[in-house]
Amino acid sequence: MDTAQKKQILIRHIDSLPEPELDRLFQSFIKTFENEQQPYVINSEIKAALDEALSNSIKGNVISSEEAARLTKEKYSFLFNR
């Protein structure tokens, strides 16, 4: 699907929306668009955690995604029993 086709589909959907839904969607779109224009700032705590994770990865201290899932379910089992 090319860009023109995507735009046509969006326009058709927008044209069919009731005004309250269009207003809600418009506000959401504008907020999303404006947020994407802002640079993302990483605080020192997050940067330190990312640096530590990268360092561990470079050293080979990694686990599989399956093991990560198992450990997460083990540690936070109350989140998976809903």
Foldseek 3Di string as FASTA:
>chain_A
DDPVVVVVVVVVVLVPDDPVVNVVVVVVVVVVVVVVVDDDDDDPVRVVVVVVVVVCVVVVVDDDPVVVVVVVCVVPVVVVPD
